[in-house]
């Protein structure tokens, strides 16, 4: 394996045997020809290379295989097939309290945990004061860890892990337990470790941290690699998928579905701008429409509704809000127009659009489409919230 590579995962799969009832394990050991379990594939043909000094974020829904992959890399789980090569000392925080004896004190557990990670007693003793200082547990270091809170567990475990001179540091959701001040302290230390060439594998559901901290992000879905690459792009794709996993994607060809009113019908509705149905904040998005009158209509007001893929109604506006009315139309005549969103201020996500037409006083609905138009928003920078509102930052400091 190249000296530039810390971890190489080659076609790794991991299958667990799931027994519905405890006694089925005994029956399986006696009657080997009959199957009393079902196979659960936690990982399926996963391949990955992680370079030295790289920060790899790993995301996915619960049960996607994230923890199984980390356990396989650490050697605490054996792959059913495939190979894993690891170069360097590994320090891992795989789960809260893992490797700690609840009856031992914090001091005893620190020595035990560091010894498991390959340090000698003299090395541990030389760094013990630094471990305690970083964990901020001087007042509790000689108390049994069974009396510790979850946050205190994390403080001690993380402090030990970063002081054993790891070449590879693996963190599985551990930082989500600590308070904000300690989390900041950990992230600052992680940045220093990376600068020193330490490889970091980082599992979290915190999309913000992933976008800011990682050099690449791996997205696991039902044990498969769904995507790996730029942390901002992959994180935003994952977030959009989390909002509406079964929602059709913007690039899919939409079918215009609308309700029958007998008064009018949309003959054409489409979105223009962007690239393949995808937009960046600040771009211009046009929703173009053509309405065919089936009966004589009075003055017409058009309206739009935009929903996020999780069903959240984010925009509902009418042309009357802007003082805009279309003229009355005779049966068989058409009215055309567009609504322009400029600059587009929606945060990254998948969106669906419905277009409607009604009377000037809103009482009569002339035509209404279902949420069949779709578009996506992605940003080239980390984002938060539902909107990226146009704003001006003003400094009063000169």
Foldseek 3Di string as FASTA:
>chain_A
DDPFWFKWWFQFKAKDWAAPDPCLVVVCVVPVVDRRTDIAILAGGDTDTFTFLFEEEEEEDVSLNPLVVVCCQVVVDPTPDTDMDGDWQEQEDSDQQPQADQQFFLQVSLQRSLVVSPDDNVLCVVCVVVLCVQLVQPVRRRPRCVPPDSQSSLSNSLSSRLSSPTLEYEYAASLVPHDPVSSVVSLVSVVVSSVVRRYYYHYDPPLLCQLVRGQKYFYGGSNYTPDIGRSQVVSLVVVQCVLAVPDDFQLDDFDWAWDDDQFKEKPDWAKDDDDSQEAEQQTKIKIKTKMATQAWFAKKKKWKWKAFNNGHTDDTDIVVVVPDIHHTDHHGDMDIDIDMDGRAWFEWHKMFMKMWMAHPVRPGTRIIIDRGRIHGYGYPHDDDDTTRDDDDDDDPPD
